[in-house]
Amino acid sequence: MLVRTVRMTFRPDALPDFHVIFDRSKQHIRAFPGNHHLELLRDPDNPAVRMTYSLWDDANALEAYRQSQLFRQTWAATKLLFAERAVAFSGERIEVIL
């Protein structure tokens, strides 16, 4: 399982636009082959920061999504709203403690 976290800092005035984009695309992302989970998080110390946390079968599934028209359209609209460049991390899940 591949865990993907993307940290995005938005212009404060652009947050409502981002939420519209996310609301429009979240079910499509969640239904994309290889995706198992999608969350949207807010940084409690910086109200202009949002993070996505998603679970993918593997790096190939994530890359297929990143090459898709869905990603290209969503990302093109989203990155116009940034105050800073986004930072993304991937990690392979080793163990889950519940």
Protein backbone atom coordinates (compact mmCIF):
# COMPACT_ATOMS: atom_id res chain seq x y z
CA MET A 1 0.00 0.00 0.00
CA LEU A 2 1.32 3.44 -0.94
CA VAL A 3 0.46 6.42 1.25
CA ARG A 4 0.49 9.81 -0.48
CA THR A 5 0.37 13.14 1.35
CA VAL A 6 0.25 16.44 -0.52
CA ARG A 7 0.61 19.71 1.43
CA MET A 8 -0.79 22.78 -0.33
CA THR A 9 -0.63 26.38 0.84
CA PHE A 10 -3.32 28.55 -0.71
CA ARG A 11 -3.89 32.24 -1.00
CA PRO A 12 -6.52 32.88 1.70
CA ASP A 13 -8.96 34.34 -0.83
CA ALA A 14 -8.61 31.20 -2.98
CA LEU A 15 -9.67 28.64 -0.36
CA PRO A 16 -13.37 28.69 -1.34
CA ASP A 17 -12.38 28.02 -4.97
CA PHE A 18 -10.20 25.11 -3.90
CA HIS A 19 -13.04 23.57 -1.91
CA VAL A 20 -15.29 23.77 -4.98
CA ILE A 21 -12.63 21.98 -7.06
CA PHE A 22 -12.12 19.34 -4.37
CA ASP A 23 -15.85 18.76 -3.91
CA ARG A 24 -16.28 18.34 -7.66
CA SER A 25 -13.41 15.85 -8.02
CA LYS A 26 -13.23 13.90 -4.74
CA GLN A 27 -15.64 11.11 -5.71
CA HIS A 28 -13.87 10.67 -9.06
CA ILE A 29 -10.48 10.46 -7.37
CA ARG A 30 -11.85 8.01 -4.82
CA ALA A 31 -13.31 5.86 -7.63
CA PHE A 32 -10.04 5.87 -9.61
CA PRO A 33 -8.62 2.33 -10.01
CA GLY A 34 -6.11 1.61 -7.28
CA ASN A 35 -7.34 4.26 -4.83
CA HIS A 36 -8.52 2.98 -1.46
CA HIS A 37 -8.91 6.13 0.61
CA LEU A 38 -8.94 9.92 0.32
CA GLU A 39 -9.00 12.56 3.07
CA LEU A 40 -8.75 16.33 3.13
CA LEU A 41 -6.99 17.80 6.17
CA ARG A 42 -6.46 21.33 7.47
CA ASP A 43 -3.30 22.48 9.25
CA PRO A 44 -4.47 23.62 12.71
CA ASP A 45 -1.63 26.17 12.87
CA ASN A 46 -2.06 27.61 9.37
CA PRO A 47 -5.62 28.06 8.08
CA ALA A 48 -4.38 28.51 4.49
CA VAL A 49 -2.89 24.99 4.36
CA ARG A 50 -4.77 21.91 3.18
CA MET A 51 -3.38 18.41 2.85
CA THR A 52 -4.65 15.41 1.00
CA TYR A 53 -3.97 11.96 2.41
CA SER A 54 -4.62 9.09 0.06
CA LEU A 55 -3.97 5.35 -0.10
CA TRP A 56 -3.07 3.61 -3.35
CA ASP A 57 -2.38 0.00 -4.33
CA ASP A 58 1.18 0.92 -5.28
CA ALA A 59 3.31 3.52 -7.06
CA ASN A 60 2.00 2.35 -10.44
CA ALA A 61 -1.60 3.05 -9.44
CA LEU A 62 -0.66 6.53 -8.22
CA GLU A 63 1.29 7.21 -11.41
CA ALA A 64 -1.66 6.08 -13.55
CA TYR A 65 -3.81 8.61 -11.70
CA ARG A 66 -1.16 11.32 -12.11
CA GLN A 67 -1.13 10.67 -15.88
CA SER A 68 -4.93 10.79 -16.14
CA GLN A 69 -7.06 13.58 -17.56
CA LEU A 70 -8.80 13.80 -14.17
CA PHE A 71 -5.53 14.66 -12.41
CA ARG A 72 -4.32 17.02 -15.12
CA GLN A 73 -7.54 19.06 -15.07
CA THR A 74 -7.84 19.06 -11.28
CA TRP A 75 -4.20 19.93 -10.67
CA ALA A 76 -4.12 22.65 -13.35
CA ALA A 77 -7.04 24.44 -11.67
CA THR A 78 -5.73 23.85 -8.13
CA LYS A 79 -2.17 25.06 -8.60
CA LEU A 80 -3.39 28.44 -9.85
CA LEU A 81 -4.65 29.04 -6.30
CA PHE A 82 -1.35 28.35 -4.48
CA ALA A 83 0.52 30.88 -2.38
CA GLU A 84 3.50 28.47 -2.29
CA ARG A 85 4.62 25.44 -4.22
CA ALA A 86 2.97 22.20 -3.06
CA VAL A 87 5.01 19.52 -1.29
CA ALA A 88 4.21 15.84 -1.84
CA PHE A 89 5.44 12.73 -0.04
CA SER A 90 4.90 9.06 -0.70
CA GLY A 91 5.63 6.17 1.62
CA GLU A 92 5.07 2.44 1.49
CA ARG A 93 3.00 1.19 4.36
CA ILE A 94 4.95 -1.24 6.53
CA GLU A 95 2.70 -1.68 9.53
CA VAL A 96 -0.63 -0.40 10.85
CA ILE A 97 -1.26 -0.28 14.57
CA LEU A 98 -4.91 0.06 15.51
